[in-house]
């Protein structure tokens, strides 16, 4: 990790002013990116100007595209900076001291109070170095630390950065273990260092971990009239950010998630956190339709399964296929059917179905179509009479199969590789995908093993009531 203070000192020692200025800005820019590499940083033509910013931070991947001005300052006197804040504060700025701040406790406390009042973040190379160290991890606490430049306020020098990063880490650890006292203390520190929007979001994250621990929602120590869903911008930021290896967090934070909401976020492709979020919520994310299409073999994905978003749809991809999921059948209209689809024999259907209950099959030999089912909607796949019928038809192909899964009925159109549920049904992905995909597409032994393990783990998840909604309470904004 870069020694920010030393790099800035070397830059300031450069004789030629223009070269020194450029070197200082490069050092500062790198130090900010070590904390939050999602920020876009624009340099201006100014340097140490009285009211024009030296840098402009923005987050273009977030829907509202927040922006903050950065003012670089040579002066190390906390009182001088505090006096300057009122005329800088119209854009929630960041004041970045090029050398560590000096001064006694009183002036520093005054600067902290004034910078909170002015919604301004004041920091220096030592504070940024501490934040970068904290942000280098992969947990939800490191994600929150990375948002300090986006929503932080107050004096975040070395001691302030240690306080905020320590409080965040301890808060999530305390919430995971249901420790009310430590969770409340940590939340108070977070409230001190974050603006109201980001503080409320952190409270939502803490509550997610609290419920994930099995603790009662009534015992959660931070009382608020509004407990916010993280919001679409937070979901987008989390999914596109560094990998967070915390299944219980993703389980809890995905309580209000739907496929439509997920696919309308500004993300695409297969960021690692997408798989984390989806796999932790397979049993309550639901879809009424699924279409499987053959793909060209993907390099680097041999045998594996990857969740991705494409065509504004969630899909599960293997080496040579993608199964697209949708809440409504019409949403799959942009997915073209394969030109050549191999027919599926009755013996192949039995092999693929395994223990899934097949209520009826539609067989065709090119001249005759026969639908076979029992009076009591029992499993027909292994019927002796069906074997006789197969022989009479001369090895027909299976065109359709009806499944019964968890008291839900699914229809599989094998030539089109589509899986659909009844109009009013909302089958979870563990049902429509868990039972339908292995029948609609012949998975390899390795893929089937990974798929079964994924579904089995999802079936043992437990539910949360993370964001109870009452009349007039906050509802998450869904992107149009």
Protein backbone atom coordinates (compact mmCIF):
# COMPACT_ATOMS: atom_id res chain seq x y z
CA UNK A 1 0.00 0.00 0.00
CA UNK A 2 1.28 3.48 -0.92
CA UNK A 3 2.91 5.66 1.75
CA UNK A 4 0.66 8.62 0.94
CA UNK A 5 2.39 11.15 3.20
CA UNK A 6 5.85 10.33 1.82
CA UNK A 7 4.66 10.45 -1.78
CA UNK A 8 3.05 13.85 -1.26
CA UNK A 9 6.20 15.20 0.39
CA UNK A 10 8.29 14.06 -2.56
CA UNK A 11 5.82 15.71 -4.93
CA UNK A 12 5.90 18.97 -2.98
CA UNK A 13 9.72 18.97 -3.19
CA UNK A 14 9.67 19.14 -7.00
CA UNK A 15 11.06 22.55 -8.05
CA UNK A 16 8.91 23.21 -11.08
CA UNK A 17 5.45 24.28 -9.88
CA UNK A 18 3.40 22.66 -12.64
CA UNK A 19 5.21 19.35 -12.22
CA UNK A 20 4.88 19.51 -8.44
CA UNK A 21 1.15 20.26 -8.67
CA UNK A 22 0.55 17.36 -11.07
CA UNK A 23 2.56 14.99 -8.87
CA UNK A 24 0.64 16.02 -5.73
CA UNK A 25 -2.69 15.47 -7.44
CA UNK A 26 -1.59 12.06 -8.72
CA UNK A 27 -0.59 11.04 -5.20
CA UNK A 28 -3.88 12.22 -3.74
CA UNK A 29 -5.86 10.57 -6.53
CA UNK A 30 -4.11 7.24 -5.94
CA UNK A 31 -4.71 7.46 -2.21
CA UNK A 32 -8.44 8.05 -2.73
CA UNK A 33 -8.66 5.12 -5.13
CA UNK A 34 -7.01 2.89 -2.53
CA UNK A 35 -10.02 3.60 -0.33
CA UNK A 36 -12.73 3.63 -3.00
CA UNK A 37 -11.78 2.45 -6.47
CA UNK A 38 -15.36 2.98 -7.69
CA UNK A 39 -15.00 6.74 -7.51
CA UNK A 40 -14.32 8.63 -10.71
CA UNK A 41 -11.86 11.50 -10.11
CA UNK A 42 -11.57 14.53 -12.34
CA UNK A 43 -8.66 16.92 -11.87
CA UNK A 44 -9.18 20.64 -12.39
CA UNK A 45 -6.73 23.36 -13.46
CA UNK A 46 -6.72 24.83 -9.93
CA UNK A 47 -4.44 24.11 -7.00
CA UNK A 48 -4.99 25.27 -3.43
CA UNK A 49 -7.55 27.79 -4.71
CA UNK A 50 -9.69 29.67 -2.21
CA UNK A 51 -13.04 28.35 -3.52
CA UNK A 52 -12.43 26.34 -6.75
CA UNK A 53 -11.95 22.59 -6.21
CA UNK A 54 -8.72 20.78 -7.03
CA UNK A 55 -10.50 17.49 -7.74
CA UNK A 56 -14.09 16.39 -8.34
CA UNK A 57 -15.23 12.97 -7.14
CA UNK A 58 -18.25 11.29 -8.68
CA UNK A 59 -19.79 7.83 -8.71
CA UNK A 60 -21.15 7.39 -12.25
CA UNK A 61 -22.36 3.83 -11.67
CA UNK A 62 -24.83 5.00 -9.02
CA UNK A 63 -28.28 6.08 -10.28
CA UNK A 64 -28.18 9.55 -8.71
CA UNK A 65 -24.49 10.03 -9.63
CA UNK A 66 -23.43 11.84 -6.44
CA UNK A 67 -20.57 14.32 -6.64
CA UNK A 68 -18.16 15.88 -4.14
CA UNK A 69 -15.59 18.63 -4.53
CA UNK A 70 -12.13 18.07 -3.08
CA UNK A 71 -10.08 21.00 -1.81
CA UNK A 72 -6.38 20.41 -1.16
CA UNK A 73 -4.87 22.48 1.64
CA UNK A 74 -1.31 23.15 2.84
CA UNK A 75 -2.37 24.70 6.13
CA UNK A 76 -2.13 22.23 9.02
CA UNK A 77 -3.91 24.42 11.58
CA UNK A 78 -7.33 22.97 12.57
CA UNK A 79 -8.70 26.39 13.51
CA UNK A 80 -7.77 27.87 10.13
CA UNK A 81 -9.54 25.03 8.32
CA UNK A 82 -12.60 25.33 10.57
CA UNK A 83 -12.87 29.04 9.78
CA UNK A 84 -12.71 28.28 6.06
CA UNK A 85 -15.43 25.62 5.98
CA UNK A 86 -18.59 27.79 5.79
CA UNK A 87 -17.65 29.19 2.36
CA UNK A 88 -16.83 25.75 0.96
CA UNK A 89 -19.76 23.76 2.24
CA UNK A 90 -22.38 24.22 -0.49
CA UNK A 91 -21.40 20.91 -2.19
CA UNK A 92 -20.67 18.65 0.80
CA UNK A 93 -16.95 19.02 0.07
CA UNK A 94 -13.90 17.10 1.15
CA UNK A 95 -10.97 19.05 2.57
CA UNK A 96 -7.80 17.03 2.11
CA UNK A 97 -4.83 18.33 4.09
CA UNK A 98 -1.56 17.64 2.30
CA UNK A 99 0.26 17.20 5.60
CA UNK A 100 -0.99 15.63 8.84
CA UNK A 101 -3.08 18.06 10.87
CA UNK A 102 -1.43 19.46 14.00
CA UNK A 103 -2.83 21.27 17.00
CA UNK A 104 -4.23 20.63 20.45
CA UNK A 105 -7.34 18.64 21.26
CA UNK A 106 -9.57 21.71 21.64
CA UNK A 107 -9.09 23.09 18.08
CA UNK A 108 -9.33 19.60 16.61
CA UNK A 109 -12.59 18.96 18.44
CA UNK A 110 -13.89 22.30 17.19
CA UNK A 111 -12.91 21.34 13.62
CA UNK A 112 -14.71 18.01 14.00
CA UNK A 113 -17.87 19.75 15.23
CA UNK A 114 -17.76 22.40 12.52
CA UNK A 115 -17.12 19.90 9.71
CA UNK A 116 -20.09 17.81 10.83
CA UNK A 117 -22.28 20.91 10.91
CA UNK A 118 -21.13 21.84 7.41
CA UNK A 119 -21.51 18.23 6.10
CA UNK A 120 -17.85 18.34 5.16
CA UNK A 121 -15.26 15.57 5.34
CA UNK A 122 -11.86 16.74 6.58
CA UNK A 123 -8.98 14.32 6.23
CA UNK A 124 -5.21 14.09 5.70
CA UNK A 125 -2.69 11.50 4.44
CA UNK A 126 -2.60 9.61 7.75
CA UNK A 127 -6.39 9.32 7.88
CA UNK A 128 -6.62 8.16 4.28
CA UNK A 129 -3.94 5.52 4.90
CA UNK A 130 -5.96 4.06 7.80
CA UNK A 131 -9.14 4.03 5.69
CA UNK A 132 -7.30 2.29 2.83
CA UNK A 133 -6.07 -0.43 5.16
CA UNK A 134 -9.59 -1.00 6.50
CA UNK A 135 -11.15 -0.95 3.02
CA UNK A 136 -8.76 -3.60 1.68
CA UNK A 137 -10.81 -6.48 3.11
CA UNK A 138 -13.75 -8.33 1.56
CA UNK A 139 -16.51 -8.12 4.19
CA UNK A 140 -19.51 -5.81 4.42
CA UNK A 141 -17.60 -3.73 7.00
CA UNK A 142 -14.89 -2.98 4.43
CA UNK A 143 -17.59 -2.00 1.92
CA UNK A 144 -19.00 0.53 4.39
CA UNK A 145 -15.52 1.93 5.02
CA UNK A 146 -15.14 2.41 1.26
CA UNK A 147 -18.16 4.73 1.29
CA UNK A 148 -16.52 7.28 3.60
CA UNK A 149 -15.53 9.51 0.67
CA UNK A 150 -19.08 9.28 -0.65
CA UNK A 151 -21.00 10.02 2.55
CA UNK A 152 -18.50 10.82 5.30
CA UNK A 153 -18.32 13.97 7.38
CA UNK A 154 -16.32 15.25 10.34
CA UNK A 155 -12.60 15.10 11.06
CA UNK A 156 -11.23 11.82 9.77
CA UNK A 157 -7.53 12.15 10.51
CA UNK A 158 -5.53 9.17 11.78
CA UNK A 159 -7.46 8.87 15.04
CA UNK A 160 -10.82 9.65 13.41
CA UNK A 161 -10.23 7.10 10.65
CA UNK A 162 -9.26 4.49 13.25
CA UNK A 163 -12.43 5.30 15.19
CA UNK A 164 -14.78 5.03 12.23
CA UNK A 165 -13.20 1.92 10.67
CA UNK A 166 -12.97 0.23 14.07
CA UNK A 167 -16.59 1.08 14.87
CA UNK A 168 -17.80 -0.30 11.56
CA UNK A 169 -15.90 -3.57 11.96
CA UNK A 170 -16.93 -3.94 15.61
CA UNK A 171 -20.53 -3.05 14.80
CA UNK A 172 -20.92 -5.81 12.25
CA UNK A 173 -19.16 -8.28 14.50
CA UNK A 174 -21.48 -7.28 17.37
CA UNK A 175 -24.60 -7.49 15.19
CA UNK A 176 -23.56 -10.93 13.94
CA UNK A 177 -23.42 -12.13 17.54
CA UNK A 178 -26.56 -10.29 18.71
CA UNK A 179 -24.61 -8.04 21.11
CA UNK A 180 -26.94 -5.06 21.65
CA UNK A 181 -24.54 -2.92 23.67
CA UNK A 182 -21.63 -3.05 21.23
CA UNK A 183 -23.95 -2.66 18.24
CA UNK A 184 -25.44 0.52 19.72
CA UNK A 185 -22.03 2.01 20.55
CA UNK A 186 -20.74 1.29 17.06
CA UNK A 187 -23.88 2.77 15.47
CA UNK A 188 -23.38 5.99 17.45
CA UNK A 189 -19.87 6.34 16.06
CA UNK A 190 -21.09 5.66 12.54
CA UNK A 191 -23.80 8.31 12.97
CA UNK A 192 -21.09 10.76 14.01
CA UNK A 193 -19.04 10.22 10.85
CA UNK A 194 -21.72 9.72 8.16
CA UNK A 195 -24.43 11.95 6.74
CA UNK A 196 -28.03 10.95 7.44
CA UNK A 197 -28.54 9.03 4.19
CA UNK A 198 -25.50 6.82 4.63
CA UNK A 199 -26.03 6.44 8.36
CA UNK A 200 -29.54 5.11 7.76
CA UNK A 201 -28.14 2.69 5.20
CA UNK A 202 -25.53 1.42 7.64
CA UNK A 203 -28.29 0.90 10.21
CA UNK A 204 -30.08 -1.22 7.62
CA UNK A 205 -26.93 -3.28 7.10
CA UNK A 206 -26.48 -3.71 10.85
CA UNK A 207 -30.07 -4.83 11.20
CA UNK A 208 -29.51 -7.34 8.42
CA UNK A 209 -26.65 -8.88 10.34
CA UNK A 210 -28.64 -8.70 13.59
CA UNK A 211 -31.47 -10.78 12.19
CA UNK A 212 -29.04 -13.08 10.41
CA UNK A 213 -27.65 -13.93 13.85
CA UNK A 214 -31.08 -15.16 14.91
CA UNK A 215 -31.65 -12.29 17.34
CA UNK A 216 -35.14 -10.85 17.75
CA UNK A 217 -35.98 -7.76 15.68
CA UNK A 218 -37.60 -6.29 18.80
CA UNK A 219 -34.22 -6.34 20.56
CA UNK A 220 -32.37 -4.44 17.83
CA UNK A 221 -30.87 -1.51 19.77
CA UNK A 222 -31.11 1.25 17.16
CA UNK A 223 -34.67 2.58 17.23
CA UNK A 224 -35.90 4.47 14.21
CA UNK A 225 -39.28 5.31 12.75
CA UNK A 226 -37.92 4.24 9.37
CA UNK A 227 -35.69 1.23 8.82
CA UNK A 228 -34.70 1.61 5.21
CA UNK A 229 -34.23 -1.01 2.59
CA UNK A 230 -30.69 -0.37 1.30
CA UNK A 231 -32.10 1.19 -1.88
CA UNK A 232 -31.34 0.47 -5.51
CA UNK A 233 -28.16 2.54 -5.53
CA UNK A 234 -26.78 0.55 -2.59
CA UNK A 235 -27.66 -2.76 -4.27
CA UNK A 236 -25.99 -1.58 -7.46
CA UNK A 237 -22.92 -0.43 -5.60
CA UNK A 238 -22.70 -3.62 -3.54
CA UNK A 239 -23.14 -5.92 -6.52
CA UNK A 240 -20.55 -4.12 -8.59
CA UNK A 241 -18.05 -3.74 -5.76
CA UNK A 242 -15.42 -6.02 -4.34
CA UNK A 243 -16.57 -9.50 -3.37
CA UNK A 244 -18.26 -9.78 0.04
CA UNK A 245 -18.03 -13.32 1.33
CA UNK A 246 -20.89 -13.27 3.85
CA UNK A 247 -23.87 -15.47 2.95
CA UNK A 248 -25.95 -14.45 5.96
CA UNK A 249 -25.59 -10.79 4.98
CA UNK A 250 -26.70 -11.42 1.40
CA UNK A 251 -29.57 -13.57 2.68
CA UNK A 252 -30.87 -10.84 4.94
CA UNK A 253 -30.24 -7.91 2.62
CA UNK A 254 -32.13 -9.64 -0.22
CA UNK A 255 -35.43 -9.88 1.66
CA UNK A 256 -37.29 -7.43 -0.60
CA UNK A 257 -35.44 -8.40 -3.73
CA UNK A 258 -37.34 -9.47 -6.84
CA UNK A 259 -36.07 -10.50 -10.26
CA UNK A 260 -37.55 -7.39 -11.83
CA UNK A 261 -35.88 -5.12 -9.32
CA UNK A 262 -32.56 -6.93 -9.63
CA UNK A 263 -32.46 -6.82 -13.42
CA UNK A 264 -33.42 -3.13 -13.60
CA UNK A 265 -30.37 -2.08 -11.67
CA UNK A 266 -27.51 -0.66 -13.73
CA UNK A 267 -25.43 -3.83 -13.70
CA UNK A 268 -24.64 -6.45 -16.31
CA UNK A 269 -22.39 -9.43 -16.70
CA UNK A 270 -21.43 -11.65 -13.80
CA UNK A 271 -19.89 -9.69 -10.90
CA UNK A 272 -19.02 -12.10 -8.04
CA UNK A 273 -21.46 -10.51 -5.61
CA UNK A 274 -24.34 -11.26 -7.97
CA UNK A 275 -23.84 -14.96 -7.38
CA UNK A 276 -23.52 -14.32 -3.64
CA UNK A 277 -26.83 -12.46 -3.55
CA UNK A 278 -28.81 -14.80 -5.81
CA UNK A 279 -27.61 -18.07 -4.28
CA UNK A 280 -28.44 -16.83 -0.78
CA UNK A 281 -32.02 -16.06 -1.88
CA UNK A 282 -32.92 -18.85 -4.31
CA UNK A 283 -35.78 -20.05 -2.16
CA UNK A 284 -37.72 -16.77 -2.18
CA UNK A 285 -36.73 -15.19 -5.50
CA UNK A 286 -39.45 -16.38 -7.86
CA UNK A 287 -40.05 -16.67 -11.58
CA UNK A 288 -42.92 -17.86 -13.75
CA UNK A 289 -40.83 -18.60 -16.82
CA UNK A 290 -37.43 -19.91 -17.80
CA UNK A 291 -35.87 -20.37 -21.23
CA UNK A 292 -32.68 -22.33 -21.84
CA UNK A 293 -30.58 -21.55 -24.90
CA UNK A 294 -27.39 -23.06 -26.22
CA UNK A 295 -24.33 -20.80 -26.15
CA UNK A 296 -20.90 -20.94 -27.69
CA UNK A 297 -18.48 -22.56 -25.22
CA UNK A 298 -17.10 -19.95 -22.82
CA UNK A 299 -13.42 -19.93 -22.06
CA UNK A 300 -12.65 -20.28 -18.38
CA UNK A 301 -16.11 -21.57 -17.44
CA UNK A 302 -15.67 -25.24 -18.21
CA UNK A 303 -17.89 -27.31 -15.96
CA UNK A 304 -18.84 -24.39 -13.74
CA UNK A 305 -22.06 -22.45 -13.21
CA UNK A 306 -22.17 -18.65 -13.26
CA UNK A 307 -25.01 -16.22 -12.54
CA UNK A 308 -25.18 -13.28 -14.91
CA UNK A 309 -27.46 -10.48 -16.05
CA UNK A 310 -27.96 -10.10 -19.79
CA UNK A 311 -30.86 -8.81 -21.90
CA UNK A 312 -32.20 -7.33 -18.61
CA UNK A 313 -32.76 -10.88 -17.38
CA UNK A 314 -31.14 -13.00 -14.72
CA UNK A 315 -29.49 -16.08 -16.14
CA UNK A 316 -27.59 -19.11 -14.93
CA UNK A 317 -24.87 -20.10 -17.38
CA UNK A 318 -22.82 -23.21 -17.85
CA UNK A 319 -20.03 -23.74 -20.31
CA UNK A 320 -22.41 -23.90 -23.28
CA UNK A 321 -25.87 -22.77 -22.14
CA UNK A 322 -27.76 -20.03 -20.31
CA UNK A 323 -31.07 -20.45 -18.51
CA UNK A 324 -32.86 -17.08 -18.50
CA UNK A 325 -35.45 -16.38 -15.79
CA UNK A 326 -38.38 -13.97 -15.78
CA UNK A 327 -41.38 -13.11 -13.64
CA UNK A 328 -43.59 -12.95 -16.74
CA UNK A 329 -43.43 -15.09 -19.90
CA UNK A 330 -43.44 -12.00 -22.14
CA UNK A 331 -40.15 -10.83 -20.66
CA UNK A 332 -38.42 -13.71 -22.47
CA UNK A 333 -39.48 -12.49 -25.92
CA UNK A 334 -36.03 -11.05 -26.62
CA UNK A 335 -34.42 -14.49 -26.19
CA UNK A 336 -34.33 -16.34 -29.50
CA UNK A 337 -35.08 -20.04 -29.68
CA UNK A 338 -32.36 -22.40 -30.86
CA UNK A 339 -32.56 -23.39 -34.52
CA UNK A 340 -31.63 -27.02 -33.96
CA UNK A 341 -32.71 -28.78 -30.79
CA UNK A 342 -32.06 -32.48 -30.26
CA UNK A 343 -35.18 -34.47 -29.48
CA UNK A 344 -35.60 -36.00 -26.03
CA UNK A 345 -36.59 -39.65 -25.77
CA UNK A 346 -38.70 -41.07 -22.99
CA UNK A 347 -35.70 -42.88 -21.50
CA UNK A 348 -33.71 -39.64 -21.56
CA UNK A 349 -36.60 -37.84 -19.81
CA UNK A 350 -36.59 -40.48 -17.09
CA UNK A 351 -32.84 -40.05 -16.63
CA UNK A 352 -33.11 -36.27 -16.38
CA UNK A 353 -36.19 -36.22 -14.14
CA UNK A 354 -34.61 -38.40 -11.44
CA UNK A 355 -36.90 -38.01 -8.39
CA UNK A 356 -39.04 -35.19 -9.84
CA UNK A 357 -42.71 -36.12 -10.19
CA UNK A 358 -43.76 -36.14 -13.85
CA UNK A 359 -47.57 -35.83 -13.98
CA UNK A 360 -48.00 -36.08 -17.74
CA UNK A 361 -46.04 -36.34 -20.98
CA UNK A 362 -46.86 -35.44 -24.55
CA UNK A 363 -45.32 -37.84 -27.06
CA UNK A 364 -45.02 -37.40 -30.82
CA UNK A 365 -43.77 -39.70 -33.57
CA UNK A 366 -44.21 -37.09 -36.28
CA UNK A 367 -47.67 -38.34 -37.21
CA UNK A 368 -49.46 -38.90 -33.95
CA UNK A 369 -49.47 -36.94 -30.69
CA UNK A 370 -50.43 -38.69 -27.46
CA UNK A 371 -50.78 -37.11 -24.00
CA UNK A 372 -50.35 -39.61 -21.18
CA UNK A 373 -51.41 -38.95 -17.58
CA UNK A 374 -53.04 -40.80 -14.70
CA UNK A 375 -56.43 -40.08 -13.16
CA UNK A 376 -54.90 -39.11 -9.82
CA UNK A 377 -52.07 -36.95 -11.27
CA UNK A 378 -49.47 -39.46 -10.08
CA UNK A 379 -45.93 -39.92 -11.40
CA UNK A 380 -46.08 -41.47 -14.88
CA UNK A 381 -42.40 -41.56 -15.82
CA UNK A 382 -41.90 -45.17 -14.72
CA UNK A 383 -45.28 -46.63 -15.77
CA UNK A 384 -45.15 -49.96 -17.59
CA UNK A 385 -48.10 -48.88 -19.74
CA UNK A 386 -46.12 -45.85 -20.88
CA UNK A 387 -43.33 -48.15 -21.98
CA UNK A 388 -45.85 -50.14 -24.07
CA UNK A 389 -47.15 -46.92 -25.59
CA UNK A 390 -43.63 -45.86 -26.41
CA UNK A 391 -43.08 -49.09 -28.31
CA UNK A 392 -46.38 -48.73 -30.16
CA UNK A 393 -45.44 -45.23 -31.31
CA UNK A 394 -42.01 -46.33 -32.47
CA UNK A 395 -39.62 -44.46 -30.14
CA UNK A 396 -41.41 -41.08 -30.09
CA UNK A 397 -39.88 -37.87 -28.81
CA UNK A 398 -41.16 -36.14 -25.69
CA UNK A 399 -42.50 -32.75 -26.63
CA UNK A 400 -43.96 -31.66 -23.30
CA UNK A 401 -43.78 -32.73 -19.69
CA UNK A 402 -45.85 -31.53 -16.74
CA UNK A 403 -44.16 -31.54 -13.33
CA UNK A 404 -45.50 -31.32 -9.82
CA UNK A 405 -43.02 -29.53 -7.55
CA UNK A 406 -43.82 -28.38 -4.02
CA UNK A 407 -47.58 -28.36 -4.81
CA UNK A 408 -46.92 -26.29 -7.91
CA UNK A 409 -47.43 -27.32 -11.52
CA UNK A 410 -44.72 -26.61 -14.10
CA UNK A 411 -44.91 -27.16 -17.86
CA UNK A 412 -41.78 -27.93 -19.88
CA UNK A 413 -41.76 -27.43 -23.64
CA UNK A 414 -38.74 -29.53 -24.62
CA UNK A 415 -38.33 -28.44 -28.29
CA UNK A 416 -38.34 -24.78 -27.15
CA UNK A 417 -36.57 -25.52 -23.83
CA UNK A 418 -39.03 -23.37 -21.85
CA UNK A 419 -40.31 -23.91 -18.34
CA UNK A 420 -43.48 -22.11 -17.28
CA UNK A 421 -45.67 -21.99 -14.20
CA UNK A 422 -49.40 -21.42 -13.99
CA UNK A 423 -50.34 -17.75 -14.35
CA UNK A 424 -51.02 -17.10 -10.67
CA UNK A 425 -48.15 -19.19 -9.33
CA UNK A 426 -44.96 -17.67 -7.96
CA UNK A 427 -42.60 -20.65 -7.76
CA UNK A 428 -39.23 -19.98 -6.15
CA UNK A 429 -36.11 -20.53 -8.19
CA UNK A 430 -35.49 -23.69 -6.17
CA UNK A 431 -38.64 -25.07 -7.82
CA UNK A 432 -38.83 -23.71 -11.36
CA UNK A 433 -35.09 -23.84 -11.95
CA UNK A 434 -34.20 -26.55 -9.46
CA UNK A 435 -36.56 -29.10 -11.01
CA UNK A 436 -36.98 -27.69 -14.51
CA UNK A 437 -33.43 -27.00 -15.69
CA UNK A 438 -32.08 -30.58 -15.42
CA UNK A 439 -35.01 -31.73 -17.57
CA UNK A 440 -34.91 -28.92 -20.13
CA UNK A 441 -31.13 -29.22 -20.57
CA UNK A 442 -28.79 -32.18 -20.20
CA UNK A 443 -26.31 -31.06 -17.54
CA UNK A 444 -22.90 -32.70 -17.32
CA UNK A 445 -22.15 -34.76 -14.21
CA UNK A 446 -19.97 -31.94 -12.86
CA UNK A 447 -22.61 -29.29 -13.55
CA UNK A 448 -25.33 -31.43 -12.01
CA UNK A 449 -23.27 -31.96 -8.87
CA UNK A 450 -22.67 -28.20 -8.49
CA UNK A 451 -26.31 -27.45 -9.29
CA UNK A 452 -27.68 -29.95 -6.76
CA UNK A 453 -25.35 -28.62 -4.06
CA UNK A 454 -26.48 -25.04 -4.77
CA UNK A 455 -30.16 -25.96 -4.57
CA UNK A 456 -29.75 -28.16 -1.49
CA UNK A 457 -28.03 -25.34 0.40
CA UNK A 458 -30.80 -22.91 -0.60
CA UNK A 459 -33.51 -25.25 0.67
CA UNK A 460 -32.07 -24.99 4.18
CA UNK A 461 -32.08 -21.18 4.36
CA UNK A 462 -34.22 -19.46 6.98
CA UNK A 463 -36.33 -16.37 6.42
CA UNK A 464 -35.95 -12.87 7.86
CA UNK A 465 -38.36 -10.06 8.51
CA UNK A 466 -35.73 -7.41 7.95
CA UNK A 467 -37.80 -4.51 6.62
CA UNK A 468 -41.37 -4.78 7.99
CA UNK A 469 -43.63 -2.48 6.04
CA UNK A 470 -46.46 -0.58 7.67
CA UNK A 471 -48.87 1.85 6.06
CA UNK A 472 -47.01 4.95 5.00
CA UNK A 473 -43.61 3.41 5.73
CA UNK A 474 -40.68 3.69 3.37
CA UNK A 475 -40.82 1.50 0.28
CA UNK A 476 -37.69 1.04 -1.84
CA UNK A 477 -37.48 3.02 -5.06
CA UNK A 478 -37.37 0.68 -8.03
CA UNK A 479 -35.66 1.89 -11.15
CA UNK A 480 -38.00 2.37 -14.05
